[in-house]
Amino acid sequence: MDEQGLFKNYTMQELLDELDIIEWYQQPGKVHHLGEMTEKQKALYQYMGVDIPS
């Protein structure tokens, strides 16, 4: 993350807080549903080298 310059703009807590608001819905016997993600959240996943959840 430091290689991508994320720590120049965010603290670790700010990164975690930004990604923490993504909602994941699951009901017994049904397929899970991921809440809407902002473009900023998608970009953070890409900067960290992590696949965007689906």
C-alpha atoms as a PDB file:
ATOM      1  CA  MET A   1       0.000   0.000   0.000  1.00  0.00           C
ATOM      2  CA  ASP A   2       2.906   2.304   0.653  1.00  0.00           C
ATOM      3  CA  GLU A   3       4.168   1.622  -2.885  1.00  0.00           C
ATOM      4  CA  GLN A   4       0.875   2.979  -4.246  1.00  0.00           C
ATOM      5  CA  GLY A   5       1.148   6.127  -2.109  1.00  0.00           C
ATOM      6  CA  LEU A   6      -1.973   5.382  -0.089  1.00  0.00           C
ATOM      7  CA  PHE A   7      -0.323   6.418   3.169  1.00  0.00           C
ATOM      8  CA  LYS A   8       0.312   9.893   1.759  1.00  0.00           C
ATOM      9  CA  ASN A   9      -3.448  10.487   1.627  1.00  0.00           C
ATOM     10  CA  TYR A  10      -4.883   8.084   4.227  1.00  0.00           C
ATOM     11  CA  THR A  11      -4.071   6.680   7.629  1.00  0.00           C
ATOM     12  CA  MET A  12      -4.589   2.951   8.138  1.00  0.00           C
ATOM     13  CA  GLN A  13      -7.716   3.712  10.180  1.00  0.00           C
ATOM     14  CA  GLU A  14      -9.154   5.889   7.387  1.00  0.00           C
ATOM     15  CA  LEU A  15      -8.618   3.082   4.867  1.00  0.00           C
ATOM     16  CA  LEU A  16     -10.309   0.553   7.135  1.00  0.00           C
ATOM     17  CA  ASP A  17     -13.194   2.934   7.846  1.00  0.00           C
ATOM     18  CA  GLU A  18     -13.744   3.552   4.129  1.00  0.00           C
ATOM     19  CA  LEU A  19     -13.914  -0.171   3.360  1.00  0.00           C
ATOM     20  CA  ASP A  20     -15.890  -1.060   6.499  1.00  0.00           C
ATOM     21  CA  ILE A  21     -19.083   0.564   5.213  1.00  0.00           C
ATOM     22  CA  ILE A  22     -19.518  -1.976   2.404  1.00  0.00           C
ATOM     23  CA  GLU A  23     -22.562  -4.067   3.291  1.00  0.00           C
ATOM     24  CA  TRP A  24     -22.888  -7.810   2.737  1.00  0.00           C
ATOM     25  CA  TYR A  25     -26.382  -9.315   2.898  1.00  0.00           C
ATOM     26  CA  GLN A  26     -26.992 -13.019   3.307  1.00  0.00           C
ATOM     27  CA  GLN A  27     -30.191 -14.904   4.021  1.00  0.00           C
ATOM     28  CA  PRO A  28     -30.325 -18.605   4.829  1.00  0.00           C
ATOM     29  CA  GLY A  29     -30.843 -20.648   1.679  1.00  0.00           C
ATOM     30  CA  LYS A  30     -30.295 -17.701  -0.654  1.00  0.00           C
ATOM     31  CA  VAL A  31     -27.385 -16.266  -2.595  1.00  0.00           C
ATOM     32  CA  HIS A  32     -25.443 -13.465  -0.891  1.00  0.00           C
ATOM     33  CA  HIS A  33     -25.820  -9.876  -2.024  1.00  0.00           C
ATOM     34  CA  LEU A  34     -23.127  -7.217  -1.824  1.00  0.00           C
ATOM     35  CA  GLY A  35     -24.246  -3.638  -1.217  1.00  0.00           C
ATOM     36  CA  GLU A  36     -23.290  -0.860  -3.595  1.00  0.00           C
ATOM     37  CA  MET A  37     -19.627   0.140  -3.665  1.00  0.00           C
ATOM     38  CA  THR A  38     -18.392   3.623  -4.457  1.00  0.00           C
ATOM     39  CA  GLU A  39     -15.780   4.279  -7.124  1.00  0.00           C
ATOM     40  CA  LYS A  40     -13.418   5.353  -4.331  1.00  0.00           C
ATOM     41  CA  GLN A  41     -13.831   1.986  -2.600  1.00  0.00           C
ATOM     42  CA  LYS A  42     -13.223   0.105  -5.855  1.00  0.00           C
ATOM     43  CA  ALA A  43     -10.086   2.156  -6.477  1.00  0.00           C
ATOM     44  CA  LEU A  44      -8.778   1.398  -2.972  1.00  0.00           C
ATOM     45  CA  TYR A  45      -9.150  -2.341  -3.588  1.00  0.00           C
ATOM     46  CA  GLN A  46      -7.222  -2.001  -6.851  1.00  0.00           C
ATOM     47  CA  TYR A  47      -4.450   0.065  -5.221  1.00  0.00           C
ATOM     48  CA  MET A  48      -4.063  -2.603  -2.537  1.00  0.00           C
ATOM     49  CA  GLY A  49      -3.883  -5.373  -5.139  1.00  0.00           C
ATOM     50  CA  VAL A  50      -7.005  -7.108  -3.805  1.00  0.00           C
ATOM     51  CA  ASP A  51      -9.811  -8.478  -5.970  1.00  0.00           C
ATOM     52  CA  ILE A  52     -13.014  -6.470  -5.691  1.00  0.00           C
ATOM     53  CA  PRO A  53     -15.650  -8.562  -3.860  1.00  0.00           C
ATOM     54  CA  SER A  54     -18.579  -9.726  -5.926  1.00  0.00           C
END
